[in-house]
Each structure stands twice: as C-alpha cells, then as structure tokens.
Amino acid sequence: MPDDLRHYSRQTTVRLIVGGILLIFLVGGGLILYFYGSGALALGFLCFLAGLTPVVLIVFILSLLEWIVKRERDN
C-alpha cells in the first residue's frame, strides 16, 4: 500500500476513466463496425468525441483552478 493515499486514489480514478473510455471505443466501435460498417464507425467516433469535449473542458478548467489555488497557498 502506498504512503500517499491521495495520489493512489487519483491514479486509480484516472486508470478507471481511461479504461472505460477505451472499452467504449473498442467494444462500441467494434459493434458499430460489425453491424453498420466503416462509415457509421467514423460518425460514431465523431459523436463520441463531440460528447466528450465538454467533459474535457470542465476537467481542464478545474485543474487550472486547482493549480492556481495551490500556487497562491505557497506564497
């Protein structure tokens, strides 16, 4: 067990999120490809990326705010 539990928790959360996204891409993309073809697969990836964009922006903004707060606390 690691000494820094916050780091361990953050690392585990990131791994779960990346694994879930990969699972959706691989399994979902494979099923779309199997049933509908490559044109639908391209559109499916485009829709998934469009849906993921707001989430990525929110995470980026929150990470930026966290970095600013940590930097100001040190001063």
Protein backbone atom coordinates (compact mmCIF):
# COMPACT_ATOMS: atom_id res chain seq x y z
CA MET A 1 0.00 0.00 0.00
CA PRO A 2 1.43 3.39 -0.96
CA ASP A 3 2.14 6.08 1.59
CA ASP A 4 0.33 8.88 -0.25
CA LEU A 5 -3.31 7.77 -0.42
CA ARG A 6 -4.47 10.87 -2.32
CA HIS A 7 -2.01 10.14 -5.11
CA TYR A 8 -3.08 6.49 -5.14
CA SER A 9 -6.75 7.48 -5.29
CA ARG A 10 -6.19 9.95 -8.13
CA GLN A 11 -4.11 7.40 -10.05
CA THR A 12 -6.81 4.74 -9.64
CA THR A 13 -9.53 7.13 -10.77
CA VAL A 14 -7.58 8.12 -13.88
CA ARG A 15 -6.95 4.47 -14.74
CA LEU A 16 -10.64 3.62 -14.37
CA ILE A 17 -11.71 6.53 -16.57
CA VAL A 18 -9.16 5.71 -19.27
CA GLY A 19 -10.18 2.05 -19.15
CA GLY A 20 -13.86 2.96 -19.50
CA ILE A 21 -13.18 5.22 -22.46
CA LEU A 22 -11.09 2.54 -24.15
CA LEU A 23 -13.81 -0.02 -23.51
CA ILE A 24 -16.42 2.23 -25.11
CA PHE A 25 -14.17 2.94 -28.09
CA LEU A 26 -13.16 -0.68 -28.67
CA VAL A 27 -16.35 -2.57 -27.86
CA GLY A 28 -18.77 0.10 -29.05
CA GLY A 29 -16.71 0.81 -32.14
CA GLY A 30 -16.39 -2.88 -32.88
CA LEU A 31 -20.13 -3.40 -32.64
CA ILE A 32 -20.86 -0.36 -34.82
CA LEU A 33 -18.34 -1.60 -37.37
CA TYR A 34 -19.78 -5.11 -37.34
CA PHE A 35 -23.44 -4.11 -37.71
CA TYR A 36 -23.29 -0.85 -39.73
CA GLY A 37 -19.92 -0.54 -41.45
CA SER A 38 -16.98 1.83 -41.52
CA GLY A 39 -18.97 4.98 -42.39
CA ALA A 40 -21.08 4.62 -39.28
CA LEU A 41 -17.95 3.90 -37.24
CA ALA A 42 -16.42 7.22 -38.29
CA LEU A 43 -19.62 9.05 -37.38
CA GLY A 44 -19.81 7.19 -34.07
CA PHE A 45 -16.28 8.28 -33.15
CA LEU A 46 -17.09 11.84 -34.16
CA CYS A 47 -20.20 11.86 -31.97
CA PHE A 48 -18.32 10.34 -29.04
CA LEU A 49 -15.57 12.96 -29.31
CA ALA A 50 -18.14 15.74 -29.55
CA GLY A 51 -19.83 14.45 -26.41
CA LEU A 52 -16.52 14.12 -24.58
CA THR A 53 -15.37 17.68 -25.40
CA PRO A 54 -17.39 19.48 -22.66
CA VAL A 55 -16.19 16.99 -20.06
CA VAL A 56 -12.56 17.53 -21.03
CA LEU A 57 -13.01 21.31 -20.93
CA ILE A 58 -14.55 21.18 -17.46
CA VAL A 59 -11.77 18.94 -16.15
CA PHE A 60 -9.16 21.26 -17.68
CA ILE A 61 -10.71 24.36 -16.10
CA LEU A 62 -10.98 22.71 -12.69
CA SER A 63 -7.38 21.51 -12.89
CA LEU A 64 -6.25 25.00 -13.81
CA LEU A 65 -8.14 26.47 -10.85
CA GLU A 66 -6.63 23.85 -8.53
CA TRP A 67 -3.14 24.72 -9.78
CA ILE A 68 -3.76 28.46 -9.21
CA VAL A 69 -5.04 27.86 -5.66
CA LYS A 70 -2.06 25.63 -4.77
CA ARG A 71 0.36 28.19 -6.16
CA GLU A 72 -1.24 31.03 -4.17
CA ARG A 73 -1.22 28.99 -0.94
CA ASP A 74 2.52 28.50 -1.24
CA ASN A 75 3.10 32.26 -1.47
